[in-house]
Amino acid sequence: MTMELRHLRAFLAVAEEGSVTRAAARLGIGQPALSRTLKALETHLGVRLVDRSTHHLRLTDAGRSFRIRAAAALNAAEAAFDPARVGPWPLRLGHAWSALGRHTSTVLHRWRQLHPEMPLQLLRTDDSLAGLARGRVDAIILRGPLAASGLDSTVLFHERRTAAVSLHGDLADRAELTLDDLAGRTLIMNVVSGTTTLRLWSPEHQPRAVTEVGNTDDWLAAIAADEGFGITTTATADVYPYPGVAYLPLTDAAPVPVHLAWSSPPGHPAVLDLAAFIRETIHPHAAAD
């Protein structure tokens, strides 16, 4: 059976809506037609993409992996047929927060000088894969361990962890902190795209409570209000100076790897060149991170 873009659109609508009913309404087709299209795609690939055995539809492991590839392929095809986008093919770099930290402007400026025919666009999306699973970007900056399947990646550099505390609290005048200094206090945790989990602490010395937020802005506001502390990397301190928040070195936490990640295979031919370019550009400064 010949596969068409409608098969990708059908699968992605189901993946994003979490419901065949809502996906069919979004696409303007009947549920039986959508189910047949999805089944044809699964038959062609030889794998089950969607688990329909539960009350709440969910993607299988193969479906989660394929979602990234499908989004990249559909976005590239739609861009190729869009008359308004004939011309330079931009390389879209996604991030959830801080991008490349203090290296961001240097990388963007040097890319513009060396590759004027291919704009490098920086796009922020508040989700765990920074827009890659939705096909909004060609590659992403990710911090911490990579949990998603269907991705290729390379480590660009490492960043030190820092603690973020309120200037109104009792820790603000400290020169540095340890994880034990923060145990017994309330942790403000970005559960959407953050790098901090309770596994940083030993079972005997845990934060007293956890307040969950979904983005960097809410995370900073909660810390500034002295509702708790946060842990991040040096990139946040560089990019997000914030009234009422102090960033202090955290001396006993391991550095965080900063990855460039992309769908496999990449949806843009310059993705692999971008990884080498970023490392080459920041290398004189990376030793200070």
Protein backbone atom coordinates (compact mmCIF):
# COMPACT_ATOMS: atom_id res chain seq x y z
CA MET A 1 0.00 0.00 0.00
CA THR A 2 1.29 3.44 -0.91
CA MET A 3 1.79 5.69 2.11
CA GLU A 4 0.73 9.32 1.85
CA LEU A 5 0.98 12.44 4.00
CA ARG A 6 -2.57 11.82 5.23
CA HIS A 7 -1.34 8.73 7.06
CA LEU A 8 1.17 10.86 8.98
CA ARG A 9 -1.42 13.55 9.68
CA ALA A 10 -3.85 10.95 11.00
CA PHE A 11 -1.31 9.39 13.35
CA LEU A 12 -0.05 12.74 14.64
CA ALA A 13 -3.59 13.99 15.26
CA VAL A 14 -4.31 10.90 17.33
CA ALA A 15 -1.00 11.27 19.20
CA GLU A 16 -1.63 14.93 20.01
CA GLU A 17 -5.32 14.66 20.85
CA GLY A 18 -5.09 11.36 22.74
CA SER A 19 -8.44 10.39 21.28
CA VAL A 20 -9.66 9.05 17.93
CA THR A 21 -12.88 11.03 18.35
CA ARG A 22 -11.15 14.36 18.87
CA ALA A 23 -8.55 13.61 16.18
CA ALA A 24 -11.28 12.81 13.65
CA ALA A 25 -13.10 16.04 14.48
CA ARG A 26 -9.86 18.00 14.12
CA LEU A 27 -9.17 16.47 10.71
CA GLY A 28 -12.77 16.78 9.54
CA ILE A 29 -13.23 13.08 8.79
CA GLY A 30 -15.24 10.26 10.29
CA GLN A 31 -13.89 8.02 13.05
CA PRO A 32 -14.08 4.84 10.93
CA ALA A 33 -12.04 6.47 8.15
CA LEU A 34 -9.44 7.66 10.65
CA SER A 35 -9.20 4.21 12.24
CA ARG A 36 -8.70 2.60 8.81
CA THR A 37 -5.96 5.10 7.94
CA LEU A 38 -4.18 4.47 11.22
CA LYS A 39 -4.47 0.70 10.79
CA ALA A 40 -3.04 0.94 7.26
CA LEU A 41 -0.03 2.84 8.60
CA GLU A 42 0.56 0.24 11.32
CA THR A 43 0.27 -2.57 8.77
CA HIS A 44 2.76 -0.88 6.48
CA LEU A 45 5.27 -0.37 9.31
CA GLY A 46 4.67 -3.80 10.81
CA VAL A 47 4.30 -2.41 14.34
CA ARG A 48 1.49 -1.31 16.61
CA LEU A 49 1.65 2.45 17.15
CA VAL A 50 -1.40 3.01 19.36
CA ASP A 51 -2.57 0.93 22.31
CA ARG A 52 -6.36 0.77 22.17
CA SER A 53 -6.73 -1.82 24.94
CA THR A 54 -7.22 0.70 27.72
CA HIS A 55 -9.90 3.27 28.43
CA HIS A 56 -7.38 6.00 27.71
CA LEU A 57 -5.66 5.70 24.32
CA ARG A 58 -1.87 5.85 24.52
CA LEU A 59 1.10 5.44 22.21
CA THR A 60 3.20 2.29 22.33
CA ASP A 61 6.97 2.53 22.62
CA ALA A 62 7.16 2.23 18.84
CA GLY A 63 4.50 4.94 18.52
CA ARG A 64 6.41 7.36 20.72
CA SER A 65 9.55 6.79 18.68
CA PHE A 66 7.72 7.09 15.36
CA ARG A 67 5.96 10.29 16.45
CA ILE A 68 9.22 12.25 16.29
CA ARG A 69 10.06 10.92 12.83
CA ALA A 70 6.52 11.49 11.56
CA ALA A 71 6.39 15.08 12.78
CA ALA A 72 9.75 15.89 11.20
CA ALA A 73 8.78 14.27 7.89
CA LEU A 74 5.38 15.95 7.70
CA ASN A 75 6.77 19.36 8.57
CA ALA A 76 9.52 19.05 5.95
CA ALA A 77 7.04 17.99 3.27
CA GLU A 78 4.61 20.81 4.07
CA ALA A 79 7.46 23.33 4.04
CA ALA A 80 8.62 22.05 0.65
CA PHE A 81 5.17 22.60 -0.87
CA ASP A 82 4.54 25.98 0.79
CA PRO A 83 4.91 28.80 -1.79
CA ALA A 84 5.54 31.31 0.98
CA ARG A 85 8.64 29.39 2.10
CA VAL A 86 10.42 29.08 -1.21
CA GLY A 87 13.94 30.41 -0.72
CA PRO A 88 16.41 29.92 2.14
CA TRP A 89 15.79 26.79 4.19
CA PRO A 90 16.12 27.85 7.85
CA LEU A 91 17.58 25.52 10.45
CA ARG A 92 15.29 25.63 13.49
CA LEU A 93 16.91 25.03 16.87
CA GLY A 94 14.54 24.36 19.76
CA HIS A 95 15.06 24.75 23.50
CA ALA A 96 12.89 24.79 26.62
CA TRP A 97 15.01 27.29 28.53
CA SER A 98 18.35 29.12 28.33
CA ALA A 99 19.28 27.74 24.86
CA LEU A 100 23.10 27.56 24.89
CA GLY A 101 23.47 29.81 27.92
CA ARG A 102 26.09 32.51 27.59
CA HIS A 103 27.27 30.96 24.32
CA THR A 104 23.94 31.59 22.58
CA SER A 105 24.61 34.99 21.06
CA THR A 106 28.12 33.99 19.94
CA VAL A 107 26.81 30.88 18.15
CA LEU A 108 23.96 32.74 16.45
CA HIS A 109 26.17 35.63 15.35
CA ARG A 110 28.93 33.41 13.97
CA TRP A 111 26.44 31.17 12.13
CA ARG A 112 24.91 34.25 10.49
CA GLN A 113 28.34 35.37 9.33
CA LEU A 114 29.36 31.99 7.91
CA HIS A 115 25.98 30.75 6.65
CA PRO A 116 23.98 33.80 5.47
CA GLU A 117 22.02 31.57 3.06
CA MET A 118 20.65 29.41 5.90
CA PRO A 119 19.13 31.29 8.86
CA LEU A 120 19.53 29.62 12.28
CA GLN A 121 16.26 30.21 14.11
CA LEU A 122 16.03 29.79 17.89
CA LEU A 123 12.60 28.66 19.10
CA ARG A 124 11.52 28.11 22.70
CA THR A 125 8.82 25.55 23.52
CA ASP A 126 7.87 24.58 27.08
CA ASP A 127 7.84 20.82 26.75
CA SER A 128 10.27 18.00 27.44
CA LEU A 129 11.42 17.72 23.81
CA ALA A 130 11.33 21.46 23.08
CA GLY A 131 9.00 21.15 20.08
CA LEU A 132 10.80 18.30 18.31
CA ALA A 133 7.99 15.77 18.78
CA ARG A 134 5.58 18.27 17.19
CA GLY A 135 7.80 18.88 14.16
CA ARG A 136 8.31 22.53 15.07
CA VAL A 137 12.11 22.35 15.05
CA ASP A 138 14.88 20.39 13.36
CA ALA A 139 17.13 19.91 16.40
CA ILE A 140 16.95 20.71 20.10
CA ILE A 141 19.14 21.64 23.02
CA LEU A 142 18.48 19.25 25.90
CA ARG A 143 20.03 19.09 29.36
CA GLY A 144 20.41 15.99 31.47
CA PRO A 145 19.88 12.35 30.48
CA LEU A 146 17.98 11.59 27.26
CA ALA A 147 14.93 9.42 27.95
CA ALA A 148 13.15 9.62 24.59
CA SER A 149 13.56 6.97 21.91
CA GLY A 150 13.89 7.69 18.20
CA LEU A 151 16.54 10.36 18.74
CA ASP A 152 20.18 10.74 17.83
CA SER A 153 22.27 13.07 19.97
CA THR A 154 25.71 14.29 20.84
CA VAL A 155 27.05 15.98 23.99
CA LEU A 156 28.16 19.54 23.31
CA PHE A 157 29.56 20.45 26.74
CA HIS A 158 28.74 20.29 30.46
CA GLU A 159 27.35 22.92 32.82
CA ARG A 160 27.78 23.25 36.58
CA ARG A 161 24.69 23.08 38.76
CA THR A 162 23.69 26.11 40.79
CA ALA A 163 21.12 26.74 43.51
CA ALA A 164 18.54 29.50 43.07
CA VAL A 165 17.35 31.04 46.33
CA SER A 166 15.30 34.05 47.37
CA LEU A 167 17.12 37.24 48.28
CA HIS A 168 14.61 37.48 51.15
CA GLY A 169 15.66 34.14 52.66
CA ASP A 170 18.41 33.09 55.02
CA LEU A 171 20.60 31.47 52.32
CA ALA A 172 21.12 34.49 50.09
CA ASP A 173 24.27 35.71 51.84
CA ARG A 174 26.06 32.35 51.53
CA ALA A 175 29.01 32.09 49.13
CA GLU A 176 28.12 28.52 48.10
CA LEU A 177 25.80 25.68 49.05
CA THR A 178 25.68 21.89 49.25
CA LEU A 179 22.74 19.54 48.73
CA ASP A 180 22.60 18.91 52.49
CA ASP A 181 22.21 22.67 53.04
CA LEU A 182 18.99 22.47 51.02
CA ALA A 183 17.59 19.28 52.56
CA GLY A 184 14.58 19.91 54.78
CA ARG A 185 13.44 22.86 52.67
CA THR A 186 10.85 23.17 49.88
CA LEU A 187 12.06 22.42 46.37
CA ILE A 188 10.51 24.31 43.44
CA MET A 189 10.64 21.82 40.55
CA ASN A 190 9.98 22.40 36.85
CA VAL A 191 8.36 19.07 36.02
CA VAL A 192 7.98 19.81 32.30
CA SER A 193 11.51 20.59 31.17
CA GLY A 194 13.71 20.86 34.26
CA THR A 195 16.76 18.75 35.10
CA THR A 196 16.23 18.43 38.86
CA THR A 197 14.74 15.38 40.58
CA LEU A 198 14.74 14.09 44.13
CA ARG A 199 17.37 11.54 43.11
CA LEU A 200 19.98 14.27 43.60
CA TRP A 201 19.64 13.76 47.36
CA SER A 202 20.29 10.72 49.48
CA PRO A 203 17.19 9.02 50.94
CA GLU A 204 18.19 10.30 54.39
CA HIS A 205 18.48 13.97 53.38
CA GLN A 206 15.56 14.95 51.14
CA PRO A 207 13.74 18.25 50.60
CA ARG A 208 10.84 18.71 53.00
CA ALA A 209 8.31 19.28 50.22
CA VAL A 210 8.09 19.80 46.45
CA THR A 211 6.16 22.53 44.63
CA GLU A 212 5.68 21.70 40.95
CA VAL A 213 5.67 24.31 38.17
CA GLY A 214 5.57 24.00 34.39
CA ASN A 215 7.97 26.63 33.08
CA THR A 216 10.96 28.78 33.93
CA ASP A 217 8.98 31.98 34.52
CA ASP A 218 6.77 30.39 37.19
CA TRP A 219 9.82 28.67 38.69
CA LEU A 220 11.62 31.99 39.13
CA ALA A 221 8.56 33.77 40.50
CA ALA A 222 8.05 31.11 43.18
CA ILE A 223 11.69 31.30 44.25
CA ALA A 224 11.68 35.12 44.34
CA ALA A 225 8.61 34.95 46.60
CA ASP A 226 10.60 32.74 49.01
CA GLU A 227 8.27 29.78 48.52
CA GLY A 228 11.29 27.48 48.19
CA PHE A 229 14.59 26.96 46.39
CA GLY A 230 15.45 25.68 42.95
CA ILE A 231 18.36 23.89 41.31
CA THR A 232 19.43 24.60 37.77
CA THR A 233 22.64 25.13 35.77
CA THR A 234 24.91 28.09 35.13
CA ALA A 235 23.01 28.76 31.90
CA THR A 236 19.95 29.93 33.83
CA ALA A 237 22.01 32.32 35.92
CA ASP A 238 23.54 33.73 32.72
CA VAL A 239 20.29 34.09 30.77
CA TYR A 240 17.69 34.73 33.50
CA PRO A 241 18.81 37.34 36.03
CA TYR A 242 15.66 37.88 38.08
CA PRO A 243 14.69 40.43 40.76
CA GLY A 244 14.68 38.75 44.13
CA VAL A 245 16.66 35.64 43.08
CA ALA A 246 20.28 34.81 43.88
CA TYR A 247 22.23 32.05 42.12
CA LEU A 248 24.81 30.27 44.29
CA PRO A 249 27.34 27.56 43.32
CA LEU A 250 26.27 24.06 44.33
CA THR A 251 29.52 22.34 45.19
CA ASP A 252 28.58 18.66 45.47
CA ALA A 253 26.26 18.04 42.50
CA ALA A 254 27.52 16.51 39.25
CA PRO A 255 27.66 18.71 36.13
CA VAL A 256 24.80 18.47 33.63
CA PRO A 257 25.49 17.34 30.05
CA VAL A 258 24.10 19.62 27.33
CA HIS A 259 23.03 17.66 24.24
CA LEU A 260 22.13 18.51 20.70
CA ALA A 261 19.40 16.02 19.73
CA TRP A 262 17.46 15.39 16.52
CA SER A 263 15.08 12.89 14.97
CA SER A 264 16.61 9.82 13.35
CA PRO A 265 17.13 10.32 10.47
CA PRO A 266 17.49 14.13 10.70
CA GLY A 267 14.84 16.21 8.97
CA HIS A 268 17.32 18.89 7.90
CA PRO A 269 20.61 18.15 6.09
CA ALA A 270 22.58 20.68 8.16
CA VAL A 271 21.80 19.21 11.60
CA LEU A 272 25.01 17.20 11.82
CA ASP A 273 27.03 20.21 10.71
CA LEU A 274 25.37 22.26 13.44
CA ALA A 275 26.68 20.00 16.20
CA ALA A 276 30.27 20.36 15.00
CA PHE A 277 29.79 24.10 14.50
CA ILE A 278 28.53 24.65 18.07
CA ARG A 279 31.41 22.72 19.61
CA GLU A 280 33.95 24.57 17.48
CA THR A 281 32.42 27.95 18.31
CA ILE A 282 32.24 27.53 22.10
CA HIS A 283 35.42 25.51 22.58
CA PRO A 284 37.56 28.51 23.69
CA HIS A 285 35.01 29.26 26.41
CA ALA A 286 33.75 25.82 27.41
CA ALA A 287 36.55 25.15 29.87
CA ALA A 288 35.09 27.85 32.13
CA ASP A 289 31.69 26.17 32.39
